[in-house]
Amino acid sequence: MSENTPSGYGSAAYKVLSVRTSEDTRAQLEVLAQLNERSVTEETRIALEHWVEKSKADPAVLKRAEQVRAEIEREAETKRNAITAVLGGTKSAPSPRAAKQAST
């Protein structure tokens, strides 16, 4: 590994990701990796991590994430109520977050 390899790289849990790209993009990536004294894999990982961090600050992504979270919480509440009904209990009260979202 080169000195540009982040510490802990070997000890972290990584999963393989295959990416299809054009020959031109691959060639440019290979040149950049060589110039930065890193592997193509390391260059790709760094680029993906940068994209993830950039996306996490995008207002449109954050808005959609809140919508998805609310949907997940609604579905979870429905499933909790269904389980309670199957087990013979009474329907549970909505969670505080669900109650808040229902009032908005």
N, C-alpha and C. Protein backbone atom coordinates (compact mmCIF):
# COMPACT_ATOMS: atom_id res chain seq x y z
N MET A 1 0.84 -1.19 0.00
CA MET A 1 0.00 0.00 0.00
C MET A 1 0.88 1.24 0.00
N SER A 2 0.46 2.28 -0.66
CA SER A 2 1.25 3.51 -0.69
C SER A 2 1.01 4.31 0.58
N GLU A 3 1.84 5.35 0.76
CA GLU A 3 1.66 6.18 1.95
C GLU A 3 0.37 6.98 1.88
N ASN A 4 -0.28 7.05 0.72
CA ASN A 4 -1.55 7.76 0.58
C ASN A 4 -2.74 6.90 1.01
N THR A 5 -2.49 5.65 1.32
CA THR A 5 -3.56 4.76 1.77
C THR A 5 -3.99 5.18 3.16
N PRO A 6 -5.29 5.40 3.40
CA PRO A 6 -5.73 5.84 4.73
C PRO A 6 -5.42 4.80 5.79
N SER A 7 -5.07 5.27 6.97
CA SER A 7 -4.78 4.33 8.04
C SER A 7 -6.04 3.56 8.38
N GLY A 8 -5.87 2.30 8.74
CA GLY A 8 -7.01 1.47 9.07
C GLY A 8 -7.68 0.85 7.86
N TYR A 9 -7.20 1.14 6.66
CA TYR A 9 -7.82 0.61 5.45
C TYR A 9 -7.88 -0.90 5.48
N GLY A 10 -6.81 -1.53 5.94
CA GLY A 10 -6.76 -2.98 5.97
C GLY A 10 -7.64 -3.60 7.03
N SER A 11 -7.96 -2.83 8.08
CA SER A 11 -8.74 -3.39 9.18
C SER A 11 -10.24 -3.11 9.07
N ALA A 12 -10.63 -2.20 8.21
CA ALA A 12 -12.05 -1.87 8.07
C ALA A 12 -12.76 -2.95 7.25
N ALA A 13 -14.05 -3.06 7.47
CA ALA A 13 -14.85 -4.02 6.71
C ALA A 13 -15.25 -3.38 5.38
N TYR A 14 -14.79 -3.94 4.30
CA TYR A 14 -15.09 -3.42 2.97
C TYR A 14 -15.83 -4.48 2.18
N LYS A 15 -16.69 -4.04 1.28
CA LYS A 15 -17.39 -4.94 0.38
C LYS A 15 -16.99 -4.59 -1.05
N VAL A 16 -16.99 -5.58 -1.89
CA VAL A 16 -16.63 -5.39 -3.29
C VAL A 16 -17.79 -4.73 -4.03
N LEU A 17 -17.46 -3.77 -4.88
CA LEU A 17 -18.45 -3.10 -5.72
C LEU A 17 -17.91 -3.08 -7.14
N SER A 18 -18.65 -3.64 -8.06
CA SER A 18 -18.25 -3.61 -9.46
C SER A 18 -18.90 -2.41 -10.13
N VAL A 19 -18.12 -1.70 -10.92
CA VAL A 19 -18.62 -0.51 -11.60
C VAL A 19 -18.29 -0.61 -13.07
N ARG A 20 -19.29 -0.42 -13.90
CA ARG A 20 -19.05 -0.40 -15.34
C ARG A 20 -18.90 1.06 -15.76
N THR A 21 -17.88 1.31 -16.57
CA THR A 21 -17.63 2.66 -17.03
C THR A 21 -17.08 2.60 -18.46
N SER A 22 -17.06 3.74 -19.11
CA SER A 22 -16.55 3.78 -20.48
C SER A 22 -15.03 3.59 -20.48
N GLU A 23 -14.51 3.21 -21.62
CA GLU A 23 -13.06 3.04 -21.74
C GLU A 23 -12.34 4.35 -21.47
N ASP A 24 -12.91 5.47 -21.95
CA ASP A 24 -12.29 6.78 -21.74
C ASP A 24 -12.21 7.13 -20.27
N THR A 25 -13.30 6.91 -19.54
CA THR A 25 -13.30 7.21 -18.11
C THR A 25 -12.32 6.31 -17.38
N ARG A 26 -12.28 5.04 -17.73
CA ARG A 26 -11.34 4.11 -17.11
C ARG A 26 -9.90 4.55 -17.35
N ALA A 27 -9.59 4.95 -18.59
CA ALA A 27 -8.24 5.39 -18.92
C ALA A 27 -7.85 6.63 -18.11
N GLN A 28 -8.79 7.57 -17.99
CA GLN A 28 -8.52 8.78 -17.20
C GLN A 28 -8.32 8.43 -15.72
N LEU A 29 -9.12 7.52 -15.23
CA LEU A 29 -9.00 7.09 -13.84
C LEU A 29 -7.64 6.42 -13.60
N GLU A 30 -7.20 5.61 -14.54
CA GLU A 30 -5.89 4.97 -14.42
C GLU A 30 -4.77 6.00 -14.38
N VAL A 31 -4.86 7.03 -15.23
CA VAL A 31 -3.85 8.08 -15.23
C VAL A 31 -3.87 8.84 -13.90
N LEU A 32 -5.05 9.19 -13.42
CA LEU A 32 -5.15 9.89 -12.14
C LEU A 32 -4.60 9.05 -10.99
N ALA A 33 -4.90 7.77 -11.01
CA ALA A 33 -4.39 6.87 -9.97
C ALA A 33 -2.86 6.85 -10.01
N GLN A 34 -2.31 6.76 -11.20
CA GLN A 34 -0.86 6.75 -11.33
C GLN A 34 -0.26 8.07 -10.84
N LEU A 35 -0.86 9.20 -11.22
CA LEU A 35 -0.36 10.51 -10.79
C LEU A 35 -0.44 10.69 -9.28
N ASN A 36 -1.47 10.11 -8.67
CA ASN A 36 -1.66 10.21 -7.22
C ASN A 36 -0.98 9.08 -6.45
N GLU A 37 -0.30 8.20 -7.19
CA GLU A 37 0.38 7.05 -6.60
C GLU A 37 -0.57 6.19 -5.77
N ARG A 38 -1.73 5.93 -6.34
CA ARG A 38 -2.73 5.07 -5.71
C ARG A 38 -3.23 4.08 -6.74
N SER A 39 -3.94 3.09 -6.26
CA SER A 39 -4.56 2.12 -7.17
C SER A 39 -5.85 2.71 -7.73
N VAL A 40 -6.33 2.10 -8.81
CA VAL A 40 -7.61 2.51 -9.37
C VAL A 40 -8.72 2.28 -8.35
N THR A 41 -8.60 1.19 -7.61
CA THR A 41 -9.59 0.89 -6.57
C THR A 41 -9.61 1.99 -5.52
N GLU A 42 -8.46 2.43 -5.08
CA GLU A 42 -8.38 3.47 -4.06
C GLU A 42 -8.92 4.80 -4.60
N GLU A 43 -8.59 5.13 -5.83
CA GLU A 43 -9.11 6.36 -6.44
C GLU A 43 -10.63 6.31 -6.51
N THR A 44 -11.17 5.16 -6.88
CA THR A 44 -12.62 5.01 -6.97
C THR A 44 -13.27 5.13 -5.60
N ARG A 45 -12.67 4.49 -4.59
CA ARG A 45 -13.21 4.57 -3.23
C ARG A 45 -13.22 6.01 -2.73
N ILE A 46 -12.14 6.73 -2.96
CA ILE A 46 -12.05 8.13 -2.53
C ILE A 46 -13.12 8.97 -3.23
N ALA A 47 -13.30 8.75 -4.53
CA ALA A 47 -14.30 9.51 -5.28
C ALA A 47 -15.71 9.21 -4.78
N LEU A 48 -15.99 7.94 -4.50
CA LEU A 48 -17.32 7.57 -4.00
C LEU A 48 -17.57 8.16 -2.61
N GLU A 49 -16.56 8.11 -1.75
CA GLU A 49 -16.72 8.71 -0.41
C GLU A 49 -16.98 10.21 -0.51
N HIS A 50 -16.28 10.88 -1.44
CA HIS A 50 -16.50 12.32 -1.64
C HIS A 50 -17.93 12.57 -2.11
N TRP A 51 -18.42 11.75 -3.05
CA TRP A 51 -19.77 11.91 -3.57
C TRP A 51 -20.82 11.71 -2.47
N VAL A 52 -20.60 10.71 -1.62
CA VAL A 52 -21.53 10.45 -0.52
C VAL A 52 -21.57 11.66 0.41
N GLU A 53 -20.42 12.19 0.78
CA GLU A 53 -20.38 13.36 1.67
C GLU A 53 -21.04 14.57 1.03
N LYS A 54 -20.80 14.79 -0.26
CA LYS A 54 -21.42 15.90 -0.99
C LYS A 54 -22.95 15.73 -1.02
N SER A 55 -23.40 14.51 -1.27
CA SER A 55 -24.84 14.25 -1.35
C SER A 55 -25.52 14.45 -0.01
N LYS A 56 -24.82 14.12 1.08
CA LYS A 56 -25.40 14.27 2.42
C LYS A 56 -25.63 15.74 2.78
N ALA A 57 -25.00 16.65 2.06
CA ALA A 57 -25.20 18.08 2.30
C ALA A 57 -26.16 18.72 1.29
N ASP A 58 -26.66 17.95 0.35
CA ASP A 58 -27.56 18.47 -0.70
C ASP A 58 -28.96 18.62 -0.12
N PRO A 59 -29.51 19.84 -0.14
CA PRO A 59 -30.84 20.07 0.42
C PRO A 59 -31.93 19.17 -0.17
N ALA A 60 -31.86 18.90 -1.45
CA ALA A 60 -32.86 18.04 -2.09
C ALA A 60 -32.77 16.61 -1.55
N VAL A 61 -31.56 16.13 -1.34
CA VAL A 61 -31.36 14.79 -0.80
C VAL A 61 -31.86 14.75 0.64
N LEU A 62 -31.54 15.77 1.42
CA LEU A 62 -31.98 15.82 2.82
C LEU A 62 -33.51 15.86 2.92
N LYS A 63 -34.15 16.61 2.02
CA LYS A 63 -35.61 16.67 2.03
C LYS A 63 -36.21 15.30 1.71
N ARG A 64 -35.65 14.64 0.71
CA ARG A 64 -36.15 13.32 0.33
C ARG A 64 -35.90 12.31 1.45
N ALA A 65 -34.76 12.43 2.13
CA ALA A 65 -34.46 11.53 3.24
C ALA A 65 -35.49 11.66 4.34
N GLU A 66 -35.92 12.87 4.63
CA GLU A 66 -36.95 13.08 5.65
C GLU A 66 -38.28 12.46 5.21
N GLN A 67 -38.60 12.58 3.92
CA GLN A 67 -39.82 11.97 3.40
C GLN A 67 -39.76 10.45 3.53
N VAL A 68 -38.63 9.88 3.19
CA VAL A 68 -38.46 8.42 3.27
C VAL A 68 -38.52 7.98 4.73
N ARG A 69 -37.88 8.74 5.63
CA ARG A 69 -37.92 8.39 7.05
C ARG A 69 -39.37 8.41 7.56
N ALA A 70 -40.14 9.42 7.19
CA ALA A 70 -41.54 9.50 7.63
C ALA A 70 -42.34 8.31 7.10
N GLU A 71 -42.09 7.94 5.86
CA GLU A 71 -42.78 6.79 5.26
C GLU A 71 -42.42 5.50 6.01
N ILE A 72 -41.16 5.32 6.32
CA ILE A 72 -40.72 4.14 7.06
C ILE A 72 -41.38 4.10 8.43
N GLU A 73 -41.46 5.24 9.09
CA GLU A 73 -42.08 5.28 10.42
C GLU A 73 -43.58 4.98 10.35
N ARG A 74 -44.24 5.45 9.30
CA ARG A 74 -45.67 5.13 9.13
C ARG A 74 -45.85 3.63 8.92
N GLU A 75 -45.02 3.05 8.08
CA GLU A 75 -45.11 1.61 7.83
C GLU A 75 -44.81 0.81 9.09
N ALA A 76 -43.82 1.26 9.86
CA ALA A 76 -43.48 0.56 11.10
C ALA A 76 -44.64 0.64 12.09
N GLU A 77 -45.28 1.78 12.18
CA GLU A 77 -46.43 1.94 13.09
C GLU A 77 -47.57 1.00 12.68
N THR A 78 -47.82 0.90 11.39
CA THR A 78 -48.85 0.00 10.88
C THR A 78 -48.53 -1.45 11.24
N LYS A 79 -47.28 -1.84 11.07
CA LYS A 79 -46.87 -3.21 11.40
C LYS A 79 -46.94 -3.46 12.90
N ARG A 80 -46.54 -2.47 13.73
CA ARG A 80 -46.65 -2.63 15.18
C ARG A 80 -48.11 -2.84 15.57
N ASN A 81 -49.00 -2.07 14.99
CA ASN A 81 -50.42 -2.21 15.29
C ASN A 81 -50.96 -3.56 14.84
N ALA A 82 -50.49 -4.03 13.69
CA ALA A 82 -50.93 -5.34 13.20
C ALA A 82 -50.46 -6.46 14.13
N ILE A 83 -49.24 -6.36 14.60
CA ILE A 83 -48.72 -7.37 15.53
C ILE A 83 -49.51 -7.35 16.83
N THR A 84 -49.78 -6.15 17.32
CA THR A 84 -50.57 -6.03 18.54
C THR A 84 -51.94 -6.66 18.36
N ALA A 85 -52.57 -6.42 17.21
CA ALA A 85 -53.89 -6.98 16.94
C ALA A 85 -53.82 -8.51 16.86
N VAL A 86 -52.79 -9.04 16.23
CA VAL A 86 -52.64 -10.48 16.11
C VAL A 86 -52.43 -11.12 17.47
N LEU A 87 -51.69 -10.45 18.33
CA LEU A 87 -51.42 -10.99 19.66
C LEU A 87 -52.57 -10.77 20.64
N GLY A 88 -53.63 -10.10 20.18
CA GLY A 88 -54.82 -9.93 21.00
C GLY A 88 -54.81 -8.72 21.90
N GLY A 89 -53.83 -7.85 21.76
CA GLY A 89 -53.78 -6.65 22.58
C GLY A 89 -54.60 -5.53 21.97
N THR A 90 -54.54 -4.40 22.57
CA THR A 90 -55.23 -3.23 22.02
C THR A 90 -54.30 -2.48 21.11
N LYS A 91 -54.87 -1.70 20.22
CA LYS A 91 -54.09 -0.92 19.28
C LYS A 91 -53.26 0.09 20.06
N SER A 92 -51.97 0.16 19.73
CA SER A 92 -51.10 1.09 20.45
C SER A 92 -51.34 2.52 19.99
N ALA A 93 -51.04 3.43 20.88
CA ALA A 93 -51.15 4.86 20.54
C ALA A 93 -50.05 5.19 19.55
N PRO A 94 -50.29 6.17 18.68
CA PRO A 94 -49.24 6.55 17.72
C PRO A 94 -48.01 7.02 18.46
N SER A 95 -46.85 6.76 17.86
CA SER A 95 -45.61 7.23 18.45
C SER A 95 -45.62 8.76 18.47
N PRO A 96 -44.86 9.38 19.36
CA PRO A 96 -44.82 10.85 19.40
C PRO A 96 -44.44 11.45 18.06
N ARG A 97 -43.50 10.84 17.34
CA ARG A 97 -43.09 11.37 16.04
C ARG A 97 -44.24 11.27 15.03
N ALA A 98 -44.95 10.13 15.03
CA ALA A 98 -46.07 9.95 14.12
C ALA A 98 -47.19 10.93 14.44
N ALA A 99 -47.44 11.15 15.72
CA ALA A 99 -48.47 12.11 16.13
C ALA A 99 -48.12 13.51 15.67
N LYS A 100 -46.84 13.86 15.78
CA LYS A 100 -46.37 15.19 15.38
C LYS A 100 -46.55 15.35 13.87
N GLN A 101 -46.15 14.31 13.09
CA GLN A 101 -46.26 14.40 11.65
C GLN A 101 -47.71 14.43 11.19
N ALA A 102 -48.59 13.77 11.89
CA ALA A 102 -50.01 13.75 11.52
C ALA A 102 -50.62 15.13 11.73
N SER A 103 -50.08 15.90 12.68
CA SER A 103 -50.65 17.21 12.96
C SER A 103 -50.12 18.28 12.02
N THR A 104 -49.07 17.97 11.23
CA THR A 104 -48.50 18.96 10.32
C THR A 104 -49.04 18.85 8.95
